[in-house]
Amino acid sequence: MRVILAEDSTLLREGLVRLLAEEGHQVAAAVGDGESLLTAVAEHGADVVVADVRMPPTHTDEGIRAALRIRADYPGIGVLVLSQYVEHRYAAELMHGGLDGVGYLLKDRVAQVGDFLDALERVAAGGTAFDPEVVRRLLARSTRADPLASLTPRVRQVLELMAEGLTNASIAQRLHVSQSAVEKHINAMFDKLAISHTTGYSRRVLAVLRFLGS
Protein backbone atom coordinates (compact mmCIF):
# COMPACT_ATOMS: atom_id res chain seq x y z
CA MET A 1 0.00 0.00 0.00
CA ARG A 2 1.37 3.42 -0.98
CA VAL A 3 0.73 6.11 1.66
CA ILE A 4 1.26 9.87 1.95
CA LEU A 5 1.28 11.35 5.47
CA ALA A 6 0.51 14.95 6.44
CA GLU A 7 1.02 15.71 10.14
CA ASP A 8 2.71 18.77 11.65
CA SER A 9 3.83 16.95 14.80
CA THR A 10 7.27 15.60 13.88
CA LEU A 11 7.10 12.97 16.60
CA LEU A 12 3.76 11.55 15.43
CA ARG A 13 4.69 11.83 11.76
CA GLU A 14 7.96 9.95 12.16
CA GLY A 15 6.24 7.39 14.38
CA LEU A 16 3.65 6.72 11.67
CA VAL A 17 6.36 6.45 9.00
CA ARG A 18 8.17 3.82 11.06
CA LEU A 19 4.96 1.94 11.88
CA LEU A 20 3.84 1.78 8.25
CA ALA A 21 7.28 0.73 7.06
CA GLU A 22 7.35 -2.08 9.63
CA GLU A 23 3.97 -3.24 8.32
CA GLY A 24 5.36 -3.44 4.79
CA HIS A 25 3.69 -0.30 3.41
CA GLN A 26 5.46 2.31 1.29
CA VAL A 27 5.41 5.91 2.55
CA ALA A 28 5.72 7.99 -0.62
CA ALA A 29 5.98 11.28 1.30
CA ALA A 30 5.63 12.61 4.84
CA VAL A 31 4.91 16.35 5.09
CA GLY A 32 3.89 18.90 7.69
CA ASP A 33 1.34 21.21 6.03
CA GLY A 34 -1.63 21.19 3.67
CA GLU A 35 0.08 22.76 0.66
CA SER A 36 2.92 20.26 0.84
CA LEU A 37 0.33 17.48 0.99
CA LEU A 38 -1.30 18.62 -2.24
CA THR A 39 2.10 18.88 -3.91
CA ALA A 40 3.10 15.40 -2.73
CA VAL A 41 -0.11 13.85 -4.05
CA ALA A 42 0.38 15.51 -7.44
CA GLU A 43 4.02 14.39 -7.64
CA HIS A 44 3.93 10.90 -6.14
CA GLY A 45 0.35 9.62 -6.14
CA ALA A 46 -0.87 7.24 -3.44
CA ASP A 47 -3.42 4.60 -2.53
CA VAL A 48 -4.36 6.52 0.61
CA VAL A 49 -3.58 9.83 2.32
CA VAL A 50 -3.46 10.33 6.09
CA ALA A 51 -3.98 13.99 7.01
CA ASP A 52 -4.29 15.96 10.22
CA VAL A 53 -7.24 18.40 10.33
CA ARG A 54 -5.29 21.34 11.77
CA MET A 55 -1.92 22.18 10.24
CA PRO A 56 0.30 25.22 9.58
CA PRO A 57 0.25 28.07 8.98
CA THR A 58 -2.93 28.90 10.95
CA HIS A 59 -3.58 25.50 12.57
CA THR A 60 -7.30 25.78 11.82
CA ASP A 61 -8.57 23.83 8.80
CA GLU A 62 -5.65 23.56 6.36
CA GLY A 63 -5.53 19.80 6.60
CA ILE A 64 -9.24 19.19 6.09
CA ARG A 65 -9.35 21.62 3.17
CA ALA A 66 -6.48 19.75 1.51
CA ALA A 67 -8.26 16.45 2.19
CA LEU A 68 -11.47 17.72 0.58
CA ARG A 69 -9.47 18.93 -2.43
CA ILE A 70 -7.91 15.49 -2.81
CA ARG A 71 -11.35 13.88 -2.53
CA ALA A 72 -12.55 16.08 -5.37
CA ASP A 73 -9.49 15.95 -7.63
CA TYR A 74 -8.30 12.37 -7.01
CA PRO A 75 -11.38 10.20 -6.33
CA GLY A 76 -9.27 7.04 -6.57
CA ILE A 77 -7.17 8.00 -3.53
CA GLY A 78 -8.52 7.11 -0.09
CA VAL A 79 -8.48 9.87 2.53
CA LEU A 80 -8.13 9.15 6.24
CA VAL A 81 -8.36 12.28 8.41
CA LEU A 82 -6.95 12.46 11.93
CA SER A 83 -8.32 14.91 14.48
CA GLN A 84 -7.67 15.72 18.11
CA TYR A 85 -11.36 16.40 18.67
CA VAL A 86 -14.76 15.44 17.27
CA GLU A 87 -15.52 18.17 14.72
CA HIS A 88 -19.00 17.57 13.36
CA ARG A 89 -18.79 19.93 10.39
CA TYR A 90 -15.60 18.39 9.04
CA ALA A 91 -16.92 14.85 9.40
CA ALA A 92 -20.08 15.80 7.51
CA GLU A 93 -18.12 17.57 4.76
CA LEU A 94 -15.99 14.49 4.19
CA MET A 95 -19.07 12.30 3.90
CA HIS A 96 -20.78 14.57 1.36
CA GLY A 97 -18.38 13.25 -1.24
CA GLY A 98 -19.79 9.76 -0.65
CA LEU A 99 -18.73 6.82 1.50
CA ASP A 100 -16.07 5.40 -0.81
CA GLY A 101 -12.50 5.63 0.46
CA VAL A 102 -12.99 7.99 3.40
CA GLY A 103 -12.27 7.86 7.12
CA TYR A 104 -12.19 10.11 10.19
CA LEU A 105 -10.31 8.98 13.29
CA LEU A 106 -9.44 10.63 16.57
CA LYS A 107 -5.69 10.76 17.15
CA ASP A 108 -6.04 8.64 20.27
CA ARG A 109 -7.05 5.78 17.96
CA VAL A 110 -3.56 5.80 16.40
CA ALA A 111 -2.19 4.43 19.68
CA GLN A 112 -4.41 1.37 19.11
CA VAL A 113 -2.24 0.15 16.26
CA GLY A 114 -4.53 -2.66 15.12
CA ASP A 115 -7.55 -0.35 14.85
CA PHE A 116 -5.54 2.29 13.01
CA LEU A 117 -4.10 -0.13 10.47
CA ASP A 118 -7.49 -1.76 9.93
CA ALA A 119 -9.05 1.66 9.26
CA LEU A 120 -6.23 2.65 6.92
CA GLU A 121 -6.47 -0.55 4.88
CA ARG A 122 -10.27 -0.28 4.73
CA VAL A 123 -10.10 3.29 3.39
CA ALA A 124 -7.34 2.41 0.90
CA ALA A 125 -9.56 -0.40 -0.42
CA GLY A 126 -12.42 2.04 -1.02
CA GLY A 127 -14.30 1.47 2.23
CA THR A 128 -15.23 3.72 5.14
CA ALA A 129 -13.76 4.07 8.63
CA PHE A 130 -15.23 6.48 11.15
CA ASP A 131 -14.04 6.50 14.75
CA PRO A 132 -16.64 4.93 17.07
CA GLU A 133 -16.31 7.91 19.43
CA VAL A 134 -17.01 10.34 16.59
CA VAL A 135 -20.13 8.37 15.68
CA ARG A 136 -21.30 8.18 19.31
CA ARG A 137 -20.92 11.93 19.79
CA LEU A 138 -22.73 12.68 16.56
CA LEU A 139 -25.49 10.24 17.43
CA ALA A 140 -25.96 11.86 20.84
CA ARG A 141 -26.01 15.27 19.20
CA SER A 142 -28.64 14.11 16.71
CA THR A 143 -31.28 13.24 19.31
CA ARG A 144 -32.85 16.65 18.76
CA ALA A 145 -33.57 15.81 15.12
CA ASP A 146 -37.13 14.55 14.59
CA PRO A 147 -36.42 11.99 11.83
CA LEU A 148 -33.76 10.18 13.85
CA ALA A 149 -35.79 10.41 17.05
CA SER A 150 -38.37 8.15 15.40
CA LEU A 151 -35.90 5.28 15.06
CA THR A 152 -35.95 2.43 17.55
CA PRO A 153 -32.83 1.93 19.73
CA ARG A 154 -31.81 -1.12 17.68
CA VAL A 155 -32.21 0.66 14.35
CA ARG A 156 -30.21 3.62 15.71
CA GLN A 157 -27.52 1.16 16.76
CA VAL A 158 -27.40 -0.25 13.24
CA LEU A 159 -27.14 3.30 11.84
CA GLU A 160 -24.30 4.06 14.25
CA LEU A 161 -22.34 1.02 13.06
CA MET A 162 -23.17 1.82 9.45
CA ALA A 163 -21.70 5.29 9.96
CA GLU A 164 -18.48 3.70 11.25
CA GLY A 165 -18.20 2.02 7.87
CA LEU A 166 -19.15 -1.55 8.76
CA THR A 167 -20.79 -3.83 6.20
CA ASN A 168 -24.07 -5.62 6.92
CA ALA A 169 -22.16 -8.82 7.69
CA SER A 170 -19.87 -7.01 10.14
CA ILE A 171 -22.84 -5.29 11.80
CA ALA A 172 -24.56 -8.65 12.23
CA GLN A 173 -21.43 -10.08 13.82
CA ARG A 174 -21.04 -7.10 16.16
CA LEU A 175 -24.70 -7.26 17.29
CA HIS A 176 -24.84 -11.08 17.38
CA VAL A 177 -27.84 -11.21 15.04
CA SER A 178 -28.42 -12.62 11.57
CA GLN A 179 -27.58 -10.63 8.48
CA SER A 180 -31.23 -10.79 7.42
CA ALA A 181 -32.18 -9.12 10.71
CA VAL A 182 -29.73 -6.32 9.96
CA GLU A 183 -31.20 -5.90 6.49
CA LYS A 184 -34.69 -5.62 8.01
CA HIS A 185 -33.48 -2.93 10.41
CA ILE A 186 -31.87 -1.03 7.54
CA ASN A 187 -35.05 -1.20 5.46
CA ALA A 188 -37.00 0.07 8.48
CA MET A 189 -34.51 2.91 8.76
CA PHE A 190 -34.99 3.88 5.12
CA ASP A 191 -38.76 3.90 5.63
CA LYS A 192 -38.58 6.02 8.81
CA LEU A 193 -36.20 8.51 7.20
CA ALA A 194 -38.29 8.57 3.99
CA ILE A 195 -35.28 7.60 1.87
CA SER A 196 -36.60 6.03 -1.30
CA HIS A 197 -34.77 4.51 -4.26
CA THR A 198 -33.33 7.39 -6.31
CA THR A 199 -31.35 6.84 -9.48
CA GLY A 200 -27.69 7.73 -9.00
CA TYR A 201 -27.74 7.76 -5.20
CA SER A 202 -26.99 5.14 -2.56
CA ARG A 203 -29.68 4.96 0.12
CA ARG A 204 -26.98 3.86 2.55
CA VAL A 205 -24.99 7.04 1.86
CA LEU A 206 -28.09 9.20 2.17
CA ALA A 207 -28.99 7.65 5.53
CA VAL A 208 -25.53 8.29 6.97
CA LEU A 209 -25.50 11.84 5.60
CA ARG A 210 -28.90 12.45 7.18
CA PHE A 211 -27.44 11.24 10.45
CA LEU A 212 -24.28 13.35 10.20
CA GLY A 213 -26.11 16.43 9.02
CA SER A 214 -28.77 16.37 11.74
C-alpha atoms as a PDB file:
ATOM      1  CA  MET A   1       0.000   0.000   0.000  1.00  0.00           C
ATOM      2  CA  ARG A   2       1.373   3.424  -0.981  1.00  0.00           C
ATOM      3  CA  VAL A   3       0.731   6.107   1.661  1.00  0.00           C
ATOM      4  CA  ILE A   4       1.263   9.867   1.948  1.00  0.00           C
ATOM      5  CA  LEU A   5       1.278  11.347   5.469  1.00  0.00           C
ATOM      6  CA  ALA A   6       0.506  14.947   6.438  1.00  0.00           C
ATOM      7  CA  GLU A   7       1.022  15.708  10.145  1.00  0.00           C
ATOM      8  CA  ASP A   8       2.711  18.769  11.649  1.00  0.00           C
ATOM      9  CA  SER A   9       3.834  16.945  14.803  1.00  0.00           C
ATOM     10  CA  THR A  10       7.272  15.603  13.876  1.00  0.00           C
ATOM     11  CA  LEU A  11       7.105  12.970  16.598  1.00  0.00           C
ATOM     12  CA  LEU A  12       3.760  11.553  15.431  1.00  0.00           C
ATOM     13  CA  ARG A  13       4.690  11.832  11.757  1.00  0.00           C
ATOM     14  CA  GLU A  14       7.959   9.948  12.164  1.00  0.00           C
ATOM     15  CA  GLY A  15       6.245   7.387  14.382  1.00  0.00           C
ATOM     16  CA  LEU A  16       3.651   6.719  11.673  1.00  0.00           C
ATOM     17  CA  VAL A  17       6.359   6.454   9.003  1.00  0.00           C
ATOM     18  CA  ARG A  18       8.166   3.823  11.059  1.00  0.00           C
ATOM     19  CA  LEU A  19       4.955   1.942  11.876  1.00  0.00           C
ATOM     20  CA  LEU A  20       3.840   1.778   8.251  1.00  0.00           C
ATOM     21  CA  ALA A  21       7.282   0.729   7.060  1.00  0.00           C
ATOM     22  CA  GLU A  22       7.349  -2.078   9.630  1.00  0.00           C
ATOM     23  CA  GLU A  23       3.969  -3.240   8.319  1.00  0.00           C
ATOM     24  CA  GLY A  24       5.356  -3.438   4.792  1.00  0.00           C
ATOM     25  CA  HIS A  25       3.687  -0.300   3.411  1.00  0.00           C
ATOM     26  CA  GLN A  26       5.456   2.314   1.290  1.00  0.00           C
ATOM     27  CA  VAL A  27       5.407   5.914   2.551  1.00  0.00           C
ATOM     28  CA  ALA A  28       5.725   7.985  -0.624  1.00  0.00           C
ATOM     29  CA  ALA A  29       5.980  11.282   1.302  1.00  0.00           C
ATOM     30  CA  ALA A  30       5.630  12.610   4.840  1.00  0.00           C
ATOM     31  CA  VAL A  31       4.908  16.346   5.093  1.00  0.00           C
ATOM     32  CA  GLY A  32       3.892  18.903   7.692  1.00  0.00           C
ATOM     33  CA  ASP A  33       1.340  21.208   6.034  1.00  0.00           C
ATOM     34  CA  GLY A  34      -1.626  21.194   3.669  1.00  0.00           C
ATOM     35  CA  GLU A  35       0.083  22.762   0.661  1.00  0.00           C
ATOM     36  CA  SER A  36       2.918  20.262   0.837  1.00  0.00           C
ATOM     37  CA  LEU A  37       0.333  17.482   0.995  1.00  0.00           C
ATOM     38  CA  LEU A  38      -1.297  18.618  -2.241  1.00  0.00           C
ATOM     39  CA  THR A  39       2.100  18.883  -3.906  1.00  0.00           C
ATOM     40  CA  ALA A  40       3.103  15.400  -2.728  1.00  0.00           C
ATOM     41  CA  VAL A  41      -0.108  13.851  -4.045  1.00  0.00           C
ATOM     42  CA  ALA A  42       0.382  15.511  -7.437  1.00  0.00           C
ATOM     43  CA  GLU A  43       4.024  14.386  -7.637  1.00  0.00           C
ATOM     44  CA  HIS A  44       3.931  10.901  -6.137  1.00  0.00           C
ATOM     45  CA  GLY A  45       0.353   9.624  -6.142  1.00  0.00           C
ATOM     46  CA  ALA A  46      -0.866   7.236  -3.436  1.00  0.00           C
ATOM     47  CA  ASP A  47      -3.416   4.603  -2.526  1.00  0.00           C
ATOM     48  CA  VAL A  48      -4.361   6.521   0.614  1.00  0.00           C
ATOM     49  CA  VAL A  49      -3.579   9.827   2.316  1.00  0.00           C
ATOM     50  CA  VAL A  50      -3.461  10.329   6.086  1.00  0.00           C
ATOM     51  CA  ALA A  51      -3.983  13.991   7.010  1.00  0.00           C
ATOM     52  CA  ASP A  52      -4.291  15.964  10.224  1.00  0.00           C
ATOM     53  CA  VAL A  53      -7.243  18.399  10.327  1.00  0.00           C
ATOM     54  CA  ARG A  54      -5.290  21.345  11.774  1.00  0.00           C
ATOM     55  CA  MET A  55      -1.922  22.176  10.241  1.00  0.00           C
ATOM     56  CA  PRO A  56       0.301  25.218   9.584  1.00  0.00           C
ATOM     57  CA  PRO A  57       0.254  28.074   8.982  1.00  0.00           C
ATOM     58  CA  THR A  58      -2.925  28.900  10.951  1.00  0.00           C
ATOM     59  CA  HIS A  59      -3.579  25.503  12.575  1.00  0.00           C
ATOM     60  CA  THR A  60      -7.300  25.778  11.817  1.00  0.00           C
ATOM     61  CA  ASP A  61      -8.569  23.833   8.799  1.00  0.00           C
ATOM     62  CA  GLU A  62      -5.655  23.564   6.356  1.00  0.00           C
ATOM     63  CA  GLY A  63      -5.531  19.799   6.597  1.00  0.00           C
ATOM     64  CA  ILE A  64      -9.237  19.191   6.087  1.00  0.00           C
ATOM     65  CA  ARG A  65      -9.351  21.624   3.167  1.00  0.00           C
ATOM     66  CA  ALA A  66      -6.480  19.747   1.513  1.00  0.00           C
ATOM     67  CA  ALA A  67      -8.264  16.445   2.191  1.00  0.00           C
ATOM     68  CA  LEU A  68     -11.466  17.718   0.579  1.00  0.00           C
ATOM     69  CA  ARG A  69      -9.474  18.933  -2.428  1.00  0.00           C
ATOM     70  CA  ILE A  70      -7.915  15.491  -2.806  1.00  0.00           C
ATOM     71  CA  ARG A  71     -11.354  13.878  -2.529  1.00  0.00           C
ATOM     72  CA  ALA A  72     -12.555  16.082  -5.375  1.00  0.00           C
ATOM     73  CA  ASP A  73      -9.491  15.948  -7.632  1.00  0.00           C
ATOM     74  CA  TYR A  74      -8.301  12.374  -7.008  1.00  0.00           C
ATOM     75  CA  PRO A  75     -11.378  10.205  -6.333  1.00  0.00           C
ATOM     76  CA  GLY A  76      -9.270   7.045  -6.571  1.00  0.00           C
ATOM     77  CA  ILE A  77      -7.170   8.004  -3.534  1.00  0.00           C
ATOM     78  CA  GLY A  78      -8.518   7.113  -0.093  1.00  0.00           C
ATOM     79  CA  VAL A  79      -8.476   9.871   2.526  1.00  0.00           C
ATOM     80  CA  LEU A  80      -8.128   9.154   6.243  1.00  0.00           C
ATOM     81  CA  VAL A  81      -8.356  12.280   8.406  1.00  0.00           C
ATOM     82  CA  LEU A  82      -6.947  12.462  11.932  1.00  0.00           C
ATOM     83  CA  SER A  83      -8.318  14.915  14.475  1.00  0.00           C
ATOM     84  CA  GLN A  84      -7.667  15.715  18.113  1.00  0.00           C
ATOM     85  CA  TYR A  85     -11.364  16.400  18.675  1.00  0.00           C
ATOM     86  CA  VAL A  86     -14.761  15.439  17.265  1.00  0.00           C
ATOM     87  CA  GLU A  87     -15.520  18.170  14.723  1.00  0.00           C
ATOM     88  CA  HIS A  88     -19.003  17.570  13.365  1.00  0.00           C
ATOM     89  CA  ARG A  89     -18.792  19.926  10.387  1.00  0.00           C
ATOM     90  CA  TYR A  90     -15.604  18.387   9.040  1.00  0.00           C
ATOM     91  CA  ALA A  91     -16.921  14.847   9.402  1.00  0.00           C
ATOM     92  CA  ALA A  92     -20.075  15.796   7.511  1.00  0.00           C
ATOM     93  CA  GLU A  93     -18.122  17.572   4.756  1.00  0.00           C
ATOM     94  CA  LEU A  94     -15.990  14.488   4.185  1.00  0.00           C
ATOM     95  CA  MET A  95     -19.075  12.296   3.900  1.00  0.00           C
ATOM     96  CA  HIS A  96     -20.778  14.572   1.361  1.00  0.00           C
ATOM     97  CA  GLY A  97     -18.384  13.250  -1.238  1.00  0.00           C
ATOM     98  CA  GLY A  98     -19.788   9.759  -0.649  1.00  0.00           C
ATOM     99  CA  LEU A  99     -18.725   6.818   1.500  1.00  0.00           C
ATOM    100  CA  ASP A 100     -16.066   5.396  -0.810  1.00  0.00           C
ATOM    101  CA  GLY A 101     -12.505   5.627   0.464  1.00  0.00           C
ATOM    102  CA  VAL A 102     -12.988   7.986   3.401  1.00  0.00           C
ATOM    103  CA  GLY A 103     -12.275   7.862   7.118  1.00  0.00           C
ATOM    104  CA  TYR A 104     -12.191  10.114  10.189  1.00  0.00           C
ATOM    105  CA  LEU A 105     -10.309   8.976  13.292  1.00  0.00           C
ATOM    106  CA  LEU A 106      -9.443  10.629  16.567  1.00  0.00           C
ATOM    107  CA  LYS A 107      -5.691  10.765  17.147  1.00  0.00           C
ATOM    108  CA  ASP A 108      -6.044   8.644  20.273  1.00  0.00           C
ATOM    109  CA  ARG A 109      -7.048   5.782  17.961  1.00  0.00           C
ATOM    110  CA  VAL A 110      -3.560   5.802  16.396  1.00  0.00           C
ATOM    111  CA  ALA A 111      -2.191   4.429  19.676  1.00  0.00           C
ATOM    112  CA  GLN A 112      -4.408   1.374  19.107  1.00  0.00           C
ATOM    113  CA  VAL A 113      -2.238   0.149  16.261  1.00  0.00           C
ATOM    114  CA  GLY A 114      -4.526  -2.657  15.122  1.00  0.00           C
ATOM    115  CA  ASP A 115      -7.553  -0.355  14.853  1.00  0.00           C
ATOM    116  CA  PHE A 116      -5.543   2.292  13.006  1.00  0.00           C
ATOM    117  CA  LEU A 117      -4.095  -0.134  10.473  1.00  0.00           C
ATOM    118  CA  ASP A 118      -7.487  -1.761   9.931  1.00  0.00           C
ATOM    119  CA  ALA A 119      -9.053   1.657   9.262  1.00  0.00           C
ATOM    120  CA  LEU A 120      -6.233   2.654   6.918  1.00  0.00           C
ATOM    121  CA  GLU A 121      -6.470  -0.546   4.879  1.00  0.00           C
ATOM    122  CA  ARG A 122     -10.266  -0.282   4.726  1.00  0.00           C
ATOM    123  CA  VAL A 123     -10.102   3.288   3.391  1.00  0.00           C
ATOM    124  CA  ALA A 124      -7.336   2.414   0.903  1.00  0.00           C
ATOM    125  CA  ALA A 125      -9.559  -0.401  -0.415  1.00  0.00           C
ATOM    126  CA  GLY A 126     -12.422   2.041  -1.021  1.00  0.00           C
ATOM    127  CA  GLY A 127     -14.300   1.472   2.228  1.00  0.00           C
ATOM    128  CA  THR A 128     -15.231   3.723   5.138  1.00  0.00           C
ATOM    129  CA  ALA A 129     -13.757   4.066   8.628  1.00  0.00           C
ATOM    130  CA  PHE A 130     -15.233   6.476  11.146  1.00  0.00           C
ATOM    131  CA  ASP A 131     -14.043   6.504  14.745  1.00  0.00           C
ATOM    132  CA  PRO A 132     -16.641   4.929  17.073  1.00  0.00           C
ATOM    133  CA  GLU A 133     -16.313   7.907  19.432  1.00  0.00           C
ATOM    134  CA  VAL A 134     -17.011  10.336  16.588  1.00  0.00           C
ATOM    135  CA  VAL A 135     -20.127   8.368  15.684  1.00  0.00           C
ATOM    136  CA  ARG A 136     -21.302   8.178  19.312  1.00  0.00           C
ATOM    137  CA  ARG A 137     -20.923  11.927  19.786  1.00  0.00           C
ATOM    138  CA  LEU A 138     -22.732  12.678  16.557  1.00  0.00           C
ATOM    139  CA  LEU A 139     -25.490  10.238  17.425  1.00  0.00           C
ATOM    140  CA  ALA A 140     -25.957  11.859  20.844  1.00  0.00           C
ATOM    141  CA  ARG A 141     -26.008  15.272  19.195  1.00  0.00           C
ATOM    142  CA  SER A 142     -28.642  14.110  16.713  1.00  0.00           C
ATOM    143  CA  THR A 143     -31.277  13.239  19.309  1.00  0.00           C
ATOM    144  CA  ARG A 144     -32.854  16.653  18.757  1.00  0.00           C
ATOM    145  CA  ALA A 145     -33.566  15.811  15.121  1.00  0.00           C
ATOM    146  CA  ASP A 146     -37.126  14.555  14.592  1.00  0.00           C
ATOM    147  CA  PRO A 147     -36.424  11.987  11.831  1.00  0.00           C
ATOM    148  CA  LEU A 148     -33.765  10.182  13.851  1.00  0.00           C
ATOM    149  CA  ALA A 149     -35.792  10.415  17.050  1.00  0.00           C
ATOM    150  CA  SER A 150     -38.372   8.151  15.403  1.00  0.00           C
ATOM    151  CA  LEU A 151     -35.895   5.282  15.062  1.00  0.00           C
ATOM    152  CA  THR A 152     -35.947   2.428  17.550  1.00  0.00           C
ATOM    153  CA  PRO A 153     -32.834   1.925  19.730  1.00  0.00           C
ATOM    154  CA  ARG A 154     -31.807  -1.123  17.683  1.00  0.00           C
ATOM    155  CA  VAL A 155     -32.206   0.665  14.353  1.00  0.00           C
ATOM    156  CA  ARG A 156     -30.211   3.621  15.707  1.00  0.00           C
ATOM    157  CA  GLN A 157     -27.516   1.165  16.764  1.00  0.00           C
ATOM    158  CA  VAL A 158     -27.404  -0.252  13.243  1.00  0.00           C
ATOM    159  CA  LEU A 159     -27.143   3.300  11.840  1.00  0.00           C
ATOM    160  CA  GLU A 160     -24.299   4.061  14.246  1.00  0.00           C
ATOM    161  CA  LEU A 161     -22.343   1.019  13.059  1.00  0.00           C
ATOM    162  CA  MET A 162     -23.172   1.820   9.446  1.00  0.00           C
ATOM    163  CA  ALA A 163     -21.697   5.291   9.960  1.00  0.00           C
ATOM    164  CA  GLU A 164     -18.481   3.696  11.249  1.00  0.00           C
ATOM    165  CA  GLY A 165     -18.203   2.021   7.866  1.00  0.00           C
ATOM    166  CA  LEU A 166     -19.152  -1.549   8.765  1.00  0.00           C
ATOM    167  CA  THR A 167     -20.786  -3.833   6.202  1.00  0.00           C
ATOM    168  CA  ASN A 168     -24.069  -5.623   6.918  1.00  0.00           C
ATOM    169  CA  ALA A 169     -22.156  -8.821   7.686  1.00  0.00           C
ATOM    170  CA  SER A 170     -19.872  -7.005  10.139  1.00  0.00           C
ATOM    171  CA  ILE A 171     -22.844  -5.287  11.796  1.00  0.00           C
ATOM    172  CA  ALA A 172     -24.559  -8.651  12.227  1.00  0.00           C
ATOM    173  CA  GLN A 173     -21.428 -10.085  13.817  1.00  0.00           C
ATOM    174  CA  ARG A 174     -21.043  -7.101  16.163  1.00  0.00           C
ATOM    175  CA  LEU A 175     -24.696  -7.261  17.291  1.00  0.00           C
ATOM    176  CA  HIS A 176     -24.844 -11.078  17.382  1.00  0.00           C
ATOM    177  CA  VAL A 177     -27.838 -11.208  15.042  1.00  0.00           C
ATOM    178  CA  SER A 178     -28.422 -12.624  11.573  1.00  0.00           C
ATOM    179  CA  GLN A 179     -27.581 -10.634   8.475  1.00  0.00           C
ATOM    180  CA  SER A 180     -31.226 -10.792   7.416  1.00  0.00           C
ATOM    181  CA  ALA A 181     -32.177  -9.120  10.713  1.00  0.00           C
ATOM    182  CA  VAL A 182     -29.726  -6.318   9.961  1.00  0.00           C
ATOM    183  CA  GLU A 183     -31.196  -5.900   6.494  1.00  0.00           C
ATOM    184  CA  LYS A 184     -34.688  -5.621   8.013  1.00  0.00           C
ATOM    185  CA  HIS A 185     -33.475  -2.928  10.413  1.00  0.00           C
ATOM    186  CA  ILE A 186     -31.870  -1.031   7.542  1.00  0.00           C
ATOM    187  CA  ASN A 187     -35.047  -1.197   5.464  1.00  0.00           C
ATOM    188  CA  ALA A 188     -37.004   0.065   8.484  1.00  0.00           C
ATOM    189  CA  MET A 189     -34.511   2.906   8.758  1.00  0.00           C
ATOM    190  CA  PHE A 190     -34.989   3.877   5.116  1.00  0.00           C
ATOM    191  CA  ASP A 191     -38.755   3.902   5.629  1.00  0.00           C
ATOM    192  CA  LYS A 192     -38.579   6.016   8.805  1.00  0.00           C
ATOM    193  CA  LEU A 193     -36.197   8.509   7.199  1.00  0.00           C
ATOM    194  CA  ALA A 194     -38.292   8.572   3.989  1.00  0.00           C
ATOM    195  CA  ILE A 195     -35.281   7.595   1.873  1.00  0.00           C
ATOM    196  CA  SER A 196     -36.600   6.034  -1.305  1.00  0.00           C
ATOM    197  CA  HIS A 197     -34.768   4.509  -4.259  1.00  0.00           C
ATOM    198  CA  THR A 198     -33.333   7.390  -6.307  1.00  0.00           C
ATOM    199  CA  THR A 199     -31.353   6.835  -9.478  1.00  0.00           C
ATOM    200  CA  GLY A 200     -27.694   7.732  -9.005  1.00  0.00           C
ATOM    201  CA  TYR A 201     -27.740   7.765  -5.196  1.00  0.00           C
ATOM    202  CA  SER A 202     -26.990   5.137  -2.565  1.00  0.00           C
ATOM    203  CA  ARG A 203     -29.676   4.955   0.121  1.00  0.00           C
ATOM    204  CA  ARG A 204     -26.976   3.860   2.549  1.00  0.00           C
ATOM    205  CA  VAL A 205     -24.988   7.036   1.862  1.00  0.00           C
ATOM    206  CA  LEU A 206     -28.093   9.200   2.169  1.00  0.00           C
ATOM    207  CA  ALA A 207     -28.988   7.649   5.534  1.00  0.00           C
ATOM    208  CA  VAL A 208     -25.529   8.291   6.969  1.00  0.00           C
ATOM    209  CA  LEU A 209     -25.500  11.837   5.598  1.00  0.00           C
ATOM    210  CA  ARG A 210     -28.905  12.453   7.183  1.00  0.00           C
ATOM    211  CA  PHE A 211     -27.435  11.241  10.452  1.00  0.00           C
ATOM    212  CA  LEU A 212     -24.276  13.351  10.198  1.00  0.00           C
ATOM    213  CA  GLY A 213     -26.106  16.433   9.024  1.00  0.00           C
ATOM    214  CA  SER A 214     -28.770  16.365  11.741  1.00  0.00           C
END
